[in-house]
Amino acid sequence: MKAPIIKPKVKLVGVDGNAFNLLGIAATELRRAGADKEYIDMVIKKATSSDYEHLIATIAKGFDLLDEDYEVEI
């Protein structure tokens, strides 16, 4: 299992808050940061192990959250 080289950055403000969309954003940024499929699957499994608030908390804990003024490619 290969963790990301850097802590991925994600922008959640102003994006579709659907859980599947947020997981897709998280997976994409993990991949860009160098994580392998096994690590990404582990993060997704952890994030989806409870409710929506847990999913948000998991993303908030494992990523650098960017504010609404930061531009990021999706």
C-alpha atoms as a PDB file:
ATOM      1  CA  MET A   1       0.000   0.000   0.000  1.00  0.00           C
ATOM      2  CA  LYS A   2       1.427   3.350  -1.036  1.00  0.00           C
ATOM      3  CA  ALA A   3       0.259   6.497   0.780  1.00  0.00           C
ATOM      4  CA  PRO A   4       0.356   9.862  -0.993  1.00  0.00           C
ATOM      5  CA  ILE A   5       3.685  11.671  -1.173  1.00  0.00           C
ATOM      6  CA  ILE A   6       2.079  14.941  -0.083  1.00  0.00           C
ATOM      7  CA  LYS A   7      -1.140  15.722   1.746  1.00  0.00           C
ATOM      8  CA  PRO A   8      -3.665  16.236  -1.080  1.00  0.00           C
ATOM      9  CA  LYS A   9      -5.514  19.527  -1.406  1.00  0.00           C
ATOM     10  CA  VAL A  10      -9.262  19.541  -1.973  1.00  0.00           C
ATOM     11  CA  LYS A  11     -11.782  22.310  -2.388  1.00  0.00           C
ATOM     12  CA  LEU A  12     -15.178  21.391  -0.969  1.00  0.00           C
ATOM     13  CA  VAL A  13     -16.739  24.850  -0.831  1.00  0.00           C
ATOM     14  CA  GLY A  14     -18.869  25.442  -3.903  1.00  0.00           C
ATOM     15  CA  VAL A  15     -18.774  21.855  -5.194  1.00  0.00           C
ATOM     16  CA  ASP A  16     -21.645  19.382  -5.393  1.00  0.00           C
ATOM     17  CA  GLY A  17     -21.913  17.980  -1.855  1.00  0.00           C
ATOM     18  CA  ASN A  18     -23.180  14.600  -3.001  1.00  0.00           C
ATOM     19  CA  ALA A  19     -21.223  11.907  -1.145  1.00  0.00           C
ATOM     20  CA  PHE A  20     -20.261  10.119  -4.375  1.00  0.00           C
ATOM     21  CA  ASN A  21     -18.967  13.349  -5.883  1.00  0.00           C
ATOM     22  CA  LEU A  22     -16.890  14.103  -2.780  1.00  0.00           C
ATOM     23  CA  LEU A  23     -15.433  10.593  -2.829  1.00  0.00           C
ATOM     24  CA  GLY A  24     -14.559  11.036  -6.499  1.00  0.00           C
ATOM     25  CA  ILE A  25     -12.786  14.305  -5.781  1.00  0.00           C
ATOM     26  CA  ALA A  26     -10.916  12.718  -2.881  1.00  0.00           C
ATOM     27  CA  ALA A  27      -9.871   9.695  -4.967  1.00  0.00           C
ATOM     28  CA  THR A  28      -8.671  11.905  -7.828  1.00  0.00           C
ATOM     29  CA  GLU A  29      -6.572  14.075  -5.536  1.00  0.00           C
ATOM     30  CA  LEU A  30      -5.108  11.039  -3.761  1.00  0.00           C
ATOM     31  CA  ARG A  31      -4.118   9.600  -7.142  1.00  0.00           C
ATOM     32  CA  ARG A  32      -2.526  12.912  -8.156  1.00  0.00           C
ATOM     33  CA  ALA A  33      -0.589  12.933  -4.875  1.00  0.00           C
ATOM     34  CA  GLY A  34       0.882   9.491  -5.560  1.00  0.00           C
ATOM     35  CA  ALA A  35      -1.376   7.117  -3.616  1.00  0.00           C
ATOM     36  CA  ASP A  36      -1.997   3.674  -5.078  1.00  0.00           C
ATOM     37  CA  LYS A  37      -5.388   1.965  -5.599  1.00  0.00           C
ATOM     38  CA  GLU A  38      -5.116  -0.037  -2.383  1.00  0.00           C
ATOM     39  CA  TYR A  39      -4.612   3.118  -0.295  1.00  0.00           C
ATOM     40  CA  ILE A  40      -7.441   4.955  -2.080  1.00  0.00           C
ATOM     41  CA  ASP A  41      -9.777   2.000  -1.520  1.00  0.00           C
ATOM     42  CA  MET A  42      -8.874   2.014   2.190  1.00  0.00           C
ATOM     43  CA  VAL A  43      -9.675   5.737   2.512  1.00  0.00           C
ATOM     44  CA  ILE A  44     -12.996   5.298   0.689  1.00  0.00           C
ATOM     45  CA  LYS A  45     -13.900   2.320   2.866  1.00  0.00           C
ATOM     46  CA  LYS A  46     -13.106   4.313   6.008  1.00  0.00           C
ATOM     47  CA  ALA A  47     -15.030   7.369   4.787  1.00  0.00           C
ATOM     48  CA  THR A  48     -18.114   5.304   3.935  1.00  0.00           C
ATOM     49  CA  SER A  49     -18.098   3.241   7.131  1.00  0.00           C
ATOM     50  CA  SER A  50     -20.630   5.507   8.809  1.00  0.00           C
ATOM     51  CA  ASP A  51     -22.796   8.514   7.978  1.00  0.00           C
ATOM     52  CA  TYR A  52     -22.323  11.610   5.825  1.00  0.00           C
ATOM     53  CA  GLU A  53     -20.777  13.614   8.664  1.00  0.00           C
ATOM     54  CA  HIS A  54     -18.151  10.876   9.123  1.00  0.00           C
ATOM     55  CA  LEU A  55     -17.387  11.021   5.394  1.00  0.00           C
ATOM     56  CA  ILE A  56     -16.803  14.785   5.611  1.00  0.00           C
ATOM     57  CA  ALA A  57     -14.697  14.396   8.771  1.00  0.00           C
ATOM     58  CA  THR A  58     -12.544  11.720   7.115  1.00  0.00           C
ATOM     59  CA  ILE A  59     -11.890  13.948   4.121  1.00  0.00           C
ATOM     60  CA  ALA A  60     -11.204  16.946   6.366  1.00  0.00           C
ATOM     61  CA  LYS A  61      -8.705  14.936   8.402  1.00  0.00           C
ATOM     62  CA  GLY A  62      -6.759  13.460   5.493  1.00  0.00           C
ATOM     63  CA  PHE A  63      -6.641  16.426   3.140  1.00  0.00           C
ATOM     64  CA  ASP A  64      -5.714  20.095   3.137  1.00  0.00           C
ATOM     65  CA  LEU A  65      -9.034  21.863   2.694  1.00  0.00           C
ATOM     66  CA  LEU A  66      -8.903  24.887   0.418  1.00  0.00           C
ATOM     67  CA  ASP A  67     -11.154  27.909   0.748  1.00  0.00           C
ATOM     68  CA  GLU A  68     -13.571  29.118  -1.896  1.00  0.00           C
ATOM     69  CA  ASP A  69     -11.091  31.609  -3.393  1.00  0.00           C
ATOM     70  CA  TYR A  70      -8.531  28.936  -4.318  1.00  0.00           C
ATOM     71  CA  GLU A  71      -8.726  27.723  -7.912  1.00  0.00           C
ATOM     72  CA  VAL A  72      -8.247  23.988  -8.458  1.00  0.00           C
ATOM     73  CA  GLU A  73      -8.495  21.898 -11.641  1.00  0.00           C
ATOM     74  CA  ILE A  74     -11.155  19.217 -11.597  1.00  0.00           C
END
